Amino acid sequence: MHLSNESIIVIVLVGLIAGWLAGKIVRGAGYGLIGDIIIGIIGAFIGDWLLPRLGIHLGSGTVSSIVNATIGAIVLLLIIRLVAGGGRFGGGWGRRGR
């Protein structure tokens, strides 16, 4: 597999947009430049794995890649919120009732 500089840039931009959108939808704010990119790229892997198993096929192209990665990133953020239950994602490990 050969990745050109252009494909790496597209991957990073799709990750950035998808991570930012997922952050807005799940939490109401982004996670910063690097956080959005990481969440978006991991979300793309989750979306590529999950959506075909649910019988959802979005087609090809940049827009469908962004939608796919955004859906995967939302799933990722919801799982993190469910598991962590605290800190940046809401809830509270380490919080004491006052």
N, C-alpha and C. Protein backbone atom coordinates (compact mmCIF):
# COMPACT_ATOMS: atom_id res chain seq x y z
N MET A 1 0.84 -1.18 0.00
CA MET A 1 0.00 0.00 0.00
C MET A 1 0.89 1.23 0.00
N HIS A 2 0.61 2.14 -0.91
CA HIS A 2 1.39 3.36 -1.03
C HIS A 2 0.53 4.56 -0.67
N LEU A 3 0.99 5.34 0.29
CA LEU A 3 0.29 6.56 0.66
C LEU A 3 1.09 7.76 0.16
N SER A 4 0.47 8.57 -0.65
CA SER A 4 1.13 9.78 -1.09
C SER A 4 0.91 10.87 -0.05
N ASN A 5 1.62 11.96 -0.21
CA ASN A 5 1.45 13.09 0.72
C ASN A 5 0.02 13.62 0.65
N GLU A 6 -0.58 13.60 -0.54
CA GLU A 6 -1.96 14.09 -0.68
C GLU A 6 -2.93 13.21 0.08
N SER A 7 -2.73 11.87 0.04
CA SER A 7 -3.66 11.01 0.76
C SER A 7 -3.53 11.15 2.26
N ILE A 8 -2.33 11.40 2.74
CA ILE A 8 -2.14 11.63 4.18
C ILE A 8 -2.85 12.92 4.59
N ILE A 9 -2.75 13.94 3.76
CA ILE A 9 -3.43 15.21 4.05
C ILE A 9 -4.94 15.01 4.07
N VAL A 10 -5.47 14.25 3.13
CA VAL A 10 -6.92 13.98 3.09
C VAL A 10 -7.35 13.22 4.34
N ILE A 11 -6.57 12.22 4.75
CA ILE A 11 -6.89 11.45 5.95
C ILE A 11 -6.93 12.37 7.17
N VAL A 12 -5.94 13.24 7.30
CA VAL A 12 -5.89 14.16 8.45
C VAL A 12 -7.06 15.14 8.40
N LEU A 13 -7.38 15.67 7.22
CA LEU A 13 -8.49 16.61 7.12
C LEU A 13 -9.83 15.94 7.41
N VAL A 14 -10.04 14.74 6.89
CA VAL A 14 -11.27 14.01 7.19
C VAL A 14 -11.35 13.73 8.69
N GLY A 15 -10.24 13.31 9.29
CA GLY A 15 -10.21 13.07 10.73
C GLY A 15 -10.52 14.32 11.53
N LEU A 16 -9.95 15.44 11.11
CA LEU A 16 -10.18 16.70 11.81
C LEU A 16 -11.65 17.11 11.74
N ILE A 17 -12.22 17.06 10.55
CA ILE A 17 -13.63 17.46 10.40
C ILE A 17 -14.55 16.51 11.16
N ALA A 18 -14.31 15.20 11.02
CA ALA A 18 -15.16 14.22 11.69
C ALA A 18 -15.04 14.32 13.21
N GLY A 19 -13.82 14.48 13.72
CA GLY A 19 -13.62 14.61 15.16
C GLY A 19 -14.28 15.87 15.71
N TRP A 20 -14.17 16.97 14.97
CA TRP A 20 -14.78 18.22 15.40
C TRP A 20 -16.30 18.09 15.41
N LEU A 21 -16.87 17.52 14.33
CA LEU A 21 -18.33 17.33 14.29
C LEU A 21 -18.81 16.43 15.42
N ALA A 22 -18.10 15.32 15.65
CA ALA A 22 -18.50 14.40 16.72
C ALA A 22 -18.42 15.08 18.08
N GLY A 23 -17.37 15.88 18.28
CA GLY A 23 -17.24 16.62 19.54
C GLY A 23 -18.39 17.59 19.74
N LYS A 24 -18.81 18.26 18.67
CA LYS A 24 -19.94 19.18 18.75
C LYS A 24 -21.24 18.44 19.06
N ILE A 25 -21.42 17.29 18.44
CA ILE A 25 -22.66 16.54 18.62
C ILE A 25 -22.73 15.91 20.01
N VAL A 26 -21.64 15.30 20.46
CA VAL A 26 -21.66 14.55 21.72
C VAL A 26 -21.48 15.47 22.91
N ARG A 27 -20.58 16.41 22.84
CA ARG A 27 -20.23 17.20 24.01
C ARG A 27 -20.58 18.67 23.86
N GLY A 28 -20.68 19.16 22.66
CA GLY A 28 -20.98 20.56 22.46
C GLY A 28 -19.74 21.39 22.19
N ALA A 29 -18.57 20.80 22.15
CA ALA A 29 -17.33 21.51 21.85
C ALA A 29 -16.34 20.51 21.26
N GLY A 30 -15.32 21.03 20.60
CA GLY A 30 -14.28 20.17 20.05
C GLY A 30 -13.29 19.74 21.13
N TYR A 31 -12.30 18.96 20.73
CA TYR A 31 -11.30 18.46 21.67
C TYR A 31 -9.92 19.00 21.35
N GLY A 32 -9.85 20.09 20.61
CA GLY A 32 -8.58 20.63 20.19
C GLY A 32 -8.15 20.00 18.88
N LEU A 33 -7.19 20.60 18.23
CA LEU A 33 -6.77 20.17 16.90
C LEU A 33 -6.32 18.71 16.89
N ILE A 34 -5.37 18.36 17.73
CA ILE A 34 -4.84 16.99 17.75
C ILE A 34 -5.90 16.00 18.22
N GLY A 35 -6.65 16.36 19.24
CA GLY A 35 -7.70 15.48 19.76
C GLY A 35 -8.76 15.19 18.72
N ASP A 36 -9.18 16.23 17.98
CA ASP A 36 -10.18 16.03 16.92
C ASP A 36 -9.66 15.11 15.82
N ILE A 37 -8.40 15.30 15.44
CA ILE A 37 -7.82 14.46 14.38
C ILE A 37 -7.77 13.00 14.84
N ILE A 38 -7.30 12.77 16.06
CA ILE A 38 -7.19 11.40 16.57
C ILE A 38 -8.57 10.75 16.68
N ILE A 39 -9.53 11.47 17.26
CA ILE A 39 -10.88 10.94 17.40
C ILE A 39 -11.49 10.66 16.03
N GLY A 40 -11.27 11.54 15.07
CA GLY A 40 -11.82 11.35 13.72
C GLY A 40 -11.21 10.17 13.00
N ILE A 41 -9.89 9.99 13.12
CA ILE A 41 -9.24 8.87 12.43
C ILE A 41 -9.65 7.54 13.05
N ILE A 42 -9.68 7.47 14.38
CA ILE A 42 -10.14 6.24 15.03
C ILE A 42 -11.62 6.01 14.69
N GLY A 43 -12.39 7.09 14.64
CA GLY A 43 -13.80 6.98 14.27
C GLY A 43 -13.99 6.45 12.87
N ALA A 44 -13.08 6.79 11.96
CA ALA A 44 -13.17 6.27 10.60
C ALA A 44 -12.99 4.76 10.58
N PHE A 45 -12.06 4.25 11.40
CA PHE A 45 -11.88 2.80 11.49
C PHE A 45 -13.13 2.13 12.07
N ILE A 46 -13.69 2.75 13.11
CA ILE A 46 -14.90 2.19 13.73
C ILE A 46 -16.06 2.22 12.73
N GLY A 47 -16.22 3.34 12.03
CA GLY A 47 -17.29 3.44 11.05
C GLY A 47 -17.14 2.44 9.91
N ASP A 48 -15.90 2.26 9.43
CA ASP A 48 -15.64 1.28 8.37
C ASP A 48 -15.94 -0.14 8.81
N TRP A 49 -15.78 -0.41 10.09
CA TRP A 49 -16.05 -1.75 10.61
C TRP A 49 -17.54 -1.93 10.92
N LEU A 50 -18.14 -0.91 11.55
CA LEU A 50 -19.49 -1.05 12.09
C LEU A 50 -20.60 -0.91 11.04
N LEU A 51 -20.52 0.11 10.21
CA LEU A 51 -21.63 0.40 9.30
C LEU A 51 -21.95 -0.73 8.32
N PRO A 52 -20.97 -1.38 7.69
CA PRO A 52 -21.33 -2.50 6.81
C PRO A 52 -22.00 -3.65 7.56
N ARG A 53 -21.64 -3.85 8.83
CA ARG A 53 -22.27 -4.91 9.62
C ARG A 53 -23.73 -4.58 9.93
N LEU A 54 -24.06 -3.30 9.90
CA LEU A 54 -25.44 -2.87 10.12
C LEU A 54 -26.20 -2.74 8.81
N GLY A 55 -25.53 -3.06 7.69
CA GLY A 55 -26.17 -2.97 6.39
C GLY A 55 -26.25 -1.56 5.85
N ILE A 56 -25.42 -0.66 6.35
CA ILE A 56 -25.42 0.74 5.91
C ILE A 56 -24.22 0.95 5.01
N HIS A 57 -24.50 1.40 3.78
CA HIS A 57 -23.43 1.67 2.82
C HIS A 57 -23.61 3.10 2.32
N LEU A 58 -22.64 3.95 2.61
CA LEU A 58 -22.76 5.37 2.29
C LEU A 58 -22.19 5.74 0.94
N GLY A 59 -21.58 4.82 0.24
CA GLY A 59 -20.99 5.13 -1.05
C GLY A 59 -19.52 5.47 -0.91
N SER A 60 -19.01 6.20 -1.89
CA SER A 60 -17.60 6.56 -1.86
C SER A 60 -17.47 8.07 -2.04
N GLY A 61 -16.29 8.56 -1.78
CA GLY A 61 -16.04 9.99 -1.91
C GLY A 61 -15.71 10.61 -0.57
N THR A 62 -15.31 11.85 -0.62
CA THR A 62 -14.86 12.55 0.58
C THR A 62 -16.00 12.80 1.55
N VAL A 63 -17.15 13.21 1.04
CA VAL A 63 -18.29 13.50 1.92
C VAL A 63 -18.74 12.24 2.65
N SER A 64 -18.83 11.13 1.94
CA SER A 64 -19.23 9.89 2.61
C SER A 64 -18.17 9.43 3.61
N SER A 65 -16.90 9.70 3.32
CA SER A 65 -15.84 9.38 4.28
C SER A 65 -15.98 10.20 5.55
N ILE A 66 -16.32 11.48 5.40
CA ILE A 66 -16.51 12.35 6.57
C ILE A 66 -17.71 11.88 7.38
N VAL A 67 -18.83 11.54 6.71
CA VAL A 67 -20.02 11.07 7.42
C VAL A 67 -19.72 9.76 8.14
N ASN A 68 -19.04 8.85 7.45
CA ASN A 68 -18.67 7.57 8.03
C ASN A 68 -17.78 7.76 9.26
N ALA A 69 -16.76 8.60 9.13
CA ALA A 69 -15.85 8.85 10.25
C ALA A 69 -16.55 9.56 11.39
N THR A 70 -17.47 10.45 11.07
CA THR A 70 -18.21 11.16 12.12
C THR A 70 -19.08 10.20 12.91
N ILE A 71 -19.78 9.30 12.23
CA ILE A 71 -20.61 8.31 12.92
C ILE A 71 -19.73 7.43 13.82
N GLY A 72 -18.60 6.98 13.29
CA GLY A 72 -17.68 6.18 14.09
C GLY A 72 -17.12 6.95 15.28
N ALA A 73 -16.82 8.23 15.08
CA ALA A 73 -16.29 9.05 16.17
C ALA A 73 -17.34 9.28 17.25
N ILE A 74 -18.60 9.44 16.85
CA ILE A 74 -19.68 9.59 17.83
C ILE A 74 -19.79 8.32 18.67
N VAL A 75 -19.75 7.16 18.00
CA VAL A 75 -19.79 5.89 18.73
C VAL A 75 -18.60 5.81 19.69
N LEU A 76 -17.41 6.18 19.23
CA LEU A 76 -16.22 6.16 20.08
C LEU A 76 -16.40 7.06 21.30
N LEU A 77 -16.86 8.28 21.10
CA LEU A 77 -17.03 9.20 22.23
C LEU A 77 -18.10 8.71 23.21
N LEU A 78 -19.16 8.11 22.70
CA LEU A 78 -20.18 7.58 23.59
C LEU A 78 -19.66 6.39 24.40
N ILE A 79 -18.85 5.54 23.77
CA ILE A 79 -18.25 4.42 24.51
C ILE A 79 -17.28 4.93 25.56
N ILE A 80 -16.47 5.93 25.20
CA ILE A 80 -15.54 6.50 26.18
C ILE A 80 -16.31 7.12 27.34
N ARG A 81 -17.37 7.83 27.03
CA ARG A 81 -18.19 8.44 28.10
C ARG A 81 -18.80 7.37 28.99
N LEU A 82 -19.25 6.29 28.40
CA LEU A 82 -19.87 5.20 29.16
C LEU A 82 -18.85 4.51 30.06
N VAL A 83 -17.66 4.22 29.51
CA VAL A 83 -16.63 3.51 30.26
C VAL A 83 -15.97 4.41 31.30
N ALA A 84 -15.55 5.59 30.87
CA ALA A 84 -14.82 6.48 31.78
C ALA A 84 -15.77 7.10 32.79
N GLY A 85 -16.89 7.57 32.32
CA GLY A 85 -17.88 8.16 33.19
C GLY A 85 -17.41 9.39 33.92
N GLY A 86 -16.30 9.95 33.55
CA GLY A 86 -15.81 11.10 34.30
C GLY A 86 -14.91 11.99 33.50
N GLY A 87 -14.35 12.96 34.23
CA GLY A 87 -13.40 13.88 33.63
C GLY A 87 -14.03 14.70 32.53
N ARG A 88 -13.37 14.76 31.45
CA ARG A 88 -13.74 15.55 30.30
C ARG A 88 -15.02 15.06 29.64
N PHE A 89 -15.35 13.82 29.86
CA PHE A 89 -16.48 13.23 29.17
C PHE A 89 -17.74 13.20 30.02
N GLY A 90 -17.75 13.79 31.19
CA GLY A 90 -18.94 13.83 32.03
C GLY A 90 -18.89 12.84 33.18
N GLY A 91 -19.85 12.89 34.08
CA GLY A 91 -19.91 11.95 35.19
C GLY A 91 -18.82 12.17 36.21
N GLY A 92 -18.33 11.09 36.85
CA GLY A 92 -17.27 11.36 37.77
C GLY A 92 -16.63 10.24 38.53
N TRP A 93 -15.59 9.64 38.04
CA TRP A 93 -14.70 8.87 38.88
C TRP A 93 -13.92 9.90 39.66
N GLY A 94 -13.69 9.68 40.87
CA GLY A 94 -12.89 10.63 41.65
C GLY A 94 -13.70 11.80 42.17
N ARG A 95 -14.95 11.90 41.81
CA ARG A 95 -15.78 12.96 42.36
C ARG A 95 -16.41 12.47 43.64
N ARG A 96 -16.45 13.33 44.61
CA ARG A 96 -17.07 12.97 45.88
C ARG A 96 -18.36 13.74 46.02
N GLY A 97 -19.35 13.08 46.57
CA GLY A 97 -20.61 13.76 46.82
C GLY A 97 -20.43 14.84 47.87
N ARG A 98 -20.93 16.02 47.58
CA ARG A 98 -20.79 17.13 48.52
C ARG A 98 -22.12 17.68 48.90
